[in-house]
Amino acid sequence: MTLDKAKEGQRIRILALPGPGIRAQAIRFGIAEGELVTCTNIIPGGPIIIAKNHQEIAIGRGLAEKITVEPVAAPAPVKSLARRRIYGLPRS
């Protein structure tokens, strides 16, 4: 499946980053093939927000459609870091 098909709260493993340009862009964000990330937010018609090591990254829809992933765990309730900052909640 591709990243754009992930569900909020789902833990996923990055399987393939097609093309050297996309791979280089992902590596700049600290994401490589084999990495585990969590899909924290899906903005309708907009980017997919993923989290890794307390860092949230917005991946545009077009790019998300090209990144192959596999689910590692079922979706769980998630509170994004952005939401925590807005409401002044501590990071977990």
Protein backbone atom coordinates (compact mmCIF):
# COMPACT_ATOMS: atom_id res chain seq x y z
CA MET A 1 0.00 0.00 0.00
CA THR A 2 1.09 3.60 -0.34
CA LEU A 3 1.45 6.22 2.38
CA ASP A 4 -1.66 8.10 1.28
CA LYS A 5 -3.74 5.00 2.20
CA ALA A 6 -2.51 4.90 5.83
CA LYS A 7 -4.97 5.60 8.63
CA GLU A 8 -4.52 8.06 11.48
CA GLY A 9 -2.72 6.44 14.39
CA GLN A 10 -1.34 3.63 12.24
CA ARG A 11 2.26 2.57 12.74
CA ILE A 12 3.87 1.89 9.37
CA ARG A 13 7.20 0.81 7.91
CA ILE A 14 8.59 2.63 4.86
CA LEU A 15 9.27 -0.03 2.21
CA ALA A 16 10.20 1.90 -0.92
CA LEU A 17 11.10 5.45 -1.84
CA PRO A 18 11.03 5.50 -5.65
CA GLY A 19 13.67 7.43 -7.52
CA PRO A 20 16.83 9.13 -6.29
CA GLY A 21 15.15 12.55 -6.01
CA ILE A 22 12.40 11.32 -3.69
CA ARG A 23 14.89 9.23 -1.70
CA ALA A 24 17.19 12.25 -1.22
CA GLN A 25 14.25 14.43 -0.16
CA ALA A 26 13.10 11.81 2.37
CA ILE A 27 16.60 11.37 3.79
CA ARG A 28 16.74 15.13 4.44
CA PHE A 29 13.69 14.62 6.66
CA GLY A 30 15.38 11.69 8.41
CA ILE A 31 13.25 9.05 6.70
CA ALA A 32 14.71 6.06 4.88
CA GLU A 33 13.52 2.67 3.70
CA GLY A 34 12.91 0.37 6.67
CA GLU A 35 12.05 3.22 9.08
CA LEU A 36 9.06 2.95 11.39
CA VAL A 37 6.81 6.02 11.52
CA THR A 38 3.32 6.83 12.77
CA CYS A 39 0.63 8.47 10.66
CA THR A 40 -0.62 11.16 13.05
CA ASN A 41 -2.93 13.21 10.86
CA ILE A 42 -4.52 13.11 7.42
CA ILE A 43 -5.64 16.48 6.13
CA PRO A 44 -8.44 16.00 3.56
CA GLY A 45 -7.09 16.96 0.16
CA GLY A 46 -3.83 17.99 1.82
CA PRO A 47 -0.71 16.44 3.27
CA ILE A 48 -0.25 13.31 5.36
CA ILE A 49 1.43 14.06 8.71
CA ILE A 50 3.82 11.42 9.98
CA ALA A 51 5.80 11.35 13.22
CA LYS A 52 9.20 9.90 13.97
CA ASN A 53 11.19 10.51 17.16
CA HIS A 54 8.96 13.37 18.39
CA GLN A 55 9.22 15.15 15.03
CA GLU A 56 6.22 15.62 12.75
CA ILE A 57 6.69 15.83 9.00
CA ALA A 58 4.06 16.86 6.44
CA ILE A 59 4.27 14.76 3.27
CA GLY A 60 2.40 16.17 0.28
CA ARG A 61 -0.32 13.99 -1.26
CA GLY A 62 1.58 13.56 -4.55
CA LEU A 63 4.69 12.33 -2.77
CA ALA A 64 2.68 10.15 -0.36
CA GLU A 65 1.13 8.35 -3.35
CA LYS A 66 4.64 7.26 -4.43
CA ILE A 67 5.94 5.99 -1.06
CA THR A 68 5.29 2.29 -0.46
CA VAL A 69 4.58 1.31 3.15
CA GLU A 70 3.29 -1.63 5.17
CA PRO A 71 1.19 -1.44 8.32
CA VAL A 72 2.99 -2.66 11.44
CA ALA A 73 0.18 -2.16 13.97
CA ALA A 74 -3.51 -1.37 13.97
CA PRO A 75 -4.54 2.29 14.18
CA ALA A 76 -4.61 3.68 17.70
CA PRO A 77 -5.86 6.99 19.06
CA VAL A 78 -3.18 9.57 18.47
CA LYS A 79 -2.59 13.10 19.61
CA SER A 80 -0.25 14.93 17.32
CA LEU A 81 2.56 17.04 18.70
CA ALA A 82 0.98 20.09 17.08
CA ARG A 83 -2.25 19.51 19.00
CA ARG A 84 -0.27 19.06 22.21
CA ARG A 85 1.51 22.39 21.64
CA ILE A 86 -1.76 24.20 20.95
CA TYR A 87 -3.32 23.00 24.18
CA GLY A 88 -0.12 23.16 26.25
CA LEU A 89 -0.07 19.42 26.93
CA PRO A 90 3.20 17.68 27.79
CA ARG A 91 4.82 15.42 25.21
CA SER A 92 4.37 11.74 25.92
